[in-house]
Amino acid sequence: MPELPEVETVRISLEPLILGSRILEIREQTAGVLYNWTGQPDVAGGRTVTGLRRRGKYLLMDLGPDLLLVAHLRMTGQFKYEEQPPVLRKHDHIVLSLEKPGTGPVWLVFHDTRRFGRIWLLRPDQASQIAGLSALGPEPLDPQLDSETLRLRLARHSRTTLKAALLAQTVVAGLGNIYVDESLFLSGINPQRLAGSLSLEEADRLLTCMQKILQAAVNARGTSVKDYVDALNVRGSFQYQLQVYGRAGQPCTQCGKPLAKTRLAGRTTVYCPQCQPV
């Protein structure tokens, strides 16, 4: 579930808490969640957290200039920040023990109920070997992304629905089911349109609405429709601003007509037939 706003919120909540901390140990509670590509089992011990970044739905932790920890939360992954030794529960898969300057030990627990999440420990030059990370399109909130670039990138998926193309991560990075539906509704564009059919004016409208939705969701600390919380166990509040996602059959907030539901790219898609005509 975590999409760009949720991963960015996790990053924002964690950065002041762990930046500058020294890693004491990375303990793997469950096999198959942590991929250590360095070939050295204790390579992270003693390393300092020098940066915390986001790329699409990936969280990247810099451990000095030559080591990187990459995490993808997938559907239910969470990082839990603890200032007391954690009492581990079911689905707590990875534990990072850190020493915070002037504070003492703290812990970061990776919890994932569905166990689809993944963590990689690697050298920065190995990051391109993570297939999903290397194939990402531009960041939708990047001010250098313009409507012509978006239109051309969508045109590469000319025979694909607009919903499917935006979910693919190669057109732009970080959008999932929630924010694609919300962005298309705000822009008045039907999700069943072919991705290559957008005019430049429509691409400009879509980009503007996409950026508006994503920034509002980041400001609201994400959408907590199920189990998403940030690293401090705080829920987001953008669910109270959703216009179409999860509202199939309910009145459209703009025209009052019932919202329709279909399935595109294997995902439930909600839209307004009146405000988003084919």
Foldseek 3Di string as FASTA:
>chain_A
DAFDLQLVLQLVVCCVPAAFWAWQDKDFPDPPAEAEPPPDRGVRHGFGFHDWDDDFQKIWTDRPQWKIKIKHQPPFKAKAKAPDPDDDDPQFTMKIWIQDPPRGIIIITIGGPVSPMHMYMGTPVCVCVPPLRVQAAAALLPPVDALVLLLVLLLVQQVAFQQQSVCPRNSHGGDDQQLVQQLCQQLLADRRHGSNPDDSVSSRSSSVSSNVLSVVQNVQNHAPPDCRDHNHRHHGDCVVVRQWVPQAQAAGPPPGDGWHWDAGPNHIHIHRCVSHPD
